[in-house]
Structure formats: structure tokens, C-alpha cells
Amino acid sequence: MWLVVSNKILRRILSVDSNSDWRFKLLADPKFPLTETQLRVLSKGPSSLSESWVLQALKYKYHIGKLVDK
């Protein structure tokens, strides 16, 4: 079930933004647990200023986590 939903979300993300590789990897990475709000913002994009802050925080969290793993 999760795989089907995530594939639909990922196809939508990649069609909206060509520079969204980090979003794809964040959705696929099990070490980053996501809330429903975060999933919605990642899949549909921000619809308000506060949601854009959430998206930026997720990007920051992803890149910091990626640097720590190296």
C-alpha cells in the first residue's frame, strides 16, 4: 500500500519540479519519519507561507542528515 501511494506522489513531484531529487530521496528514506502534513507538503507543494517554511525545514533536515551519514 505504502509503495503504491509513494510512487503516485513521486511521479507527481518529479513532474512539478525538476530539481526535486532530494524530495524523492526523503520520501523513500525510512530514517526520516514524516507526518501527514509533511507528506502533503512534499507531494503537493506549499500552499501557504508557513507550509513553505515546513518544506525548507525538511530540505535542511535532509541535507544535514545526509552530511552526518558520510
C-alpha atoms as a PDB file:
ATOM      1  CA  MET A   1       0.000   0.000   0.000  1.00  0.00           C
ATOM      2  CA  TRP A   2       2.713   2.486   1.007  1.00  0.00           C
ATOM      3  CA  LEU A   3       4.709   1.728  -2.126  1.00  0.00           C
ATOM      4  CA  VAL A   4       1.739   2.424  -4.394  1.00  0.00           C
ATOM      5  CA  VAL A   5       0.963   5.717  -2.658  1.00  0.00           C
ATOM      6  CA  SER A   6       4.594   6.813  -2.625  1.00  0.00           C
ATOM      7  CA  ASN A   7       5.001   6.010  -6.346  1.00  0.00           C
ATOM      8  CA  LYS A   8       1.997   8.202  -7.191  1.00  0.00           C
ATOM      9  CA  ILE A   9       3.380  11.001  -5.034  1.00  0.00           C
ATOM     10  CA  LEU A  10       6.856  10.697  -6.513  1.00  0.00           C
ATOM     11  CA  ARG A  11       5.614  10.852 -10.087  1.00  0.00           C
ATOM     12  CA  ARG A  12       3.677  13.986  -9.244  1.00  0.00           C
ATOM     13  CA  ILE A  13       6.664  15.602  -7.531  1.00  0.00           C
ATOM     14  CA  LEU A  14       9.032  14.897 -10.393  1.00  0.00           C
ATOM     15  CA  SER A  15       6.573  16.305 -12.901  1.00  0.00           C
ATOM     16  CA  VAL A  16       6.144  19.527 -10.899  1.00  0.00           C
ATOM     17  CA  ASP A  17       9.794  20.310 -10.136  1.00  0.00           C
ATOM     18  CA  SER A  18      12.834  19.034 -11.983  1.00  0.00           C
ATOM     19  CA  ASN A  19      15.134  19.945  -9.073  1.00  0.00           C
ATOM     20  CA  SER A  20      13.307  17.735  -6.579  1.00  0.00           C
ATOM     21  CA  ASP A  21      15.718  14.848  -6.250  1.00  0.00           C
ATOM     22  CA  TRP A  22      16.039  15.498  -2.520  1.00  0.00           C
ATOM     23  CA  ARG A  23      12.253  15.236  -2.152  1.00  0.00           C
ATOM     24  CA  PHE A  24      12.246  11.844  -3.859  1.00  0.00           C
ATOM     25  CA  LYS A  25      15.046  10.578  -1.645  1.00  0.00           C
ATOM     26  CA  LEU A  26      13.431  11.982   1.504  1.00  0.00           C
ATOM     27  CA  LEU A  27      10.164  10.177   0.793  1.00  0.00           C
ATOM     28  CA  ALA A  28      11.990   6.922   0.089  1.00  0.00           C
ATOM     29  CA  ASP A  29      14.331   7.072   3.109  1.00  0.00           C
ATOM     30  CA  PRO A  30      12.962   5.171   6.154  1.00  0.00           C
ATOM     31  CA  LYS A  31      15.226   7.001   8.625  1.00  0.00           C
ATOM     32  CA  PHE A  32      13.212  10.204   8.108  1.00  0.00           C
ATOM     33  CA  PRO A  33       9.761   9.620   9.641  1.00  0.00           C
ATOM     34  CA  LEU A  34       7.224  12.027   8.129  1.00  0.00           C
ATOM     35  CA  THR A  35       3.915  13.313   9.440  1.00  0.00           C
ATOM     36  CA  GLU A  36       0.797  13.616   7.290  1.00  0.00           C
ATOM     37  CA  THR A  37       1.380  17.363   6.905  1.00  0.00           C
ATOM     38  CA  GLN A  38       4.954  16.835   5.772  1.00  0.00           C
ATOM     39  CA  LEU A  39       3.856  14.190   3.276  1.00  0.00           C
ATOM     40  CA  ARG A  40       1.226  16.548   1.880  1.00  0.00           C
ATOM     41  CA  VAL A  41       3.673  19.449   1.542  1.00  0.00           C
ATOM     42  CA  LEU A  42       6.249  17.203  -0.145  1.00  0.00           C
ATOM     43  CA  SER A  43       3.718  15.777  -2.566  1.00  0.00           C
ATOM     44  CA  LYS A  44       1.588  18.807  -3.453  1.00  0.00           C
ATOM     45  CA  GLY A  45       3.916  21.666  -2.623  1.00  0.00           C
ATOM     46  CA  PRO A  46       3.321  24.503  -0.187  1.00  0.00           C
ATOM     47  CA  SER A  47       0.019  26.349  -0.303  1.00  0.00           C
ATOM     48  CA  SER A  48       0.917  28.960   2.307  1.00  0.00           C
ATOM     49  CA  LEU A  49       3.924  30.752   3.705  1.00  0.00           C
ATOM     50  CA  SER A  50       4.060  28.514   6.771  1.00  0.00           C
ATOM     51  CA  GLU A  51       3.990  25.393   4.584  1.00  0.00           C
ATOM     52  CA  SER A  52       6.910  26.776   2.584  1.00  0.00           C
ATOM     53  CA  TRP A  53       8.798  27.057   5.882  1.00  0.00           C
ATOM     54  CA  VAL A  54       7.970  23.410   6.580  1.00  0.00           C
ATOM     55  CA  LEU A  55       9.291  22.449   3.141  1.00  0.00           C
ATOM     56  CA  GLN A  56      12.501  24.405   3.676  1.00  0.00           C
ATOM     57  CA  ALA A  57      12.966  22.810   7.123  1.00  0.00           C
ATOM     58  CA  LEU A  58      12.555  19.360   5.558  1.00  0.00           C
ATOM     59  CA  LYS A  59      15.163  20.180   2.931  1.00  0.00           C
ATOM     60  CA  TYR A  60      17.548  21.395   5.621  1.00  0.00           C
ATOM     61  CA  LYS A  61      16.893  18.310   7.766  1.00  0.00           C
ATOM     62  CA  TYR A  62      17.518  16.031   4.777  1.00  0.00           C
ATOM     63  CA  HIS A  63      20.798  17.682   3.776  1.00  0.00           C
ATOM     64  CA  ILE A  64      22.101  17.781   7.368  1.00  0.00           C
ATOM     65  CA  GLY A  65      21.201  14.110   7.836  1.00  0.00           C
ATOM     66  CA  LYS A  66      22.964  13.286   4.579  1.00  0.00           C
ATOM     67  CA  LEU A  67      26.131  15.055   5.744  1.00  0.00           C
ATOM     68  CA  VAL A  68      26.118  13.266   9.117  1.00  0.00           C
ATOM     69  CA  ASP A  69      25.948   9.855   7.410  1.00  0.00           C
ATOM     70  CA  LYS A  70      29.191  10.416   5.480  1.00  0.00           C
END
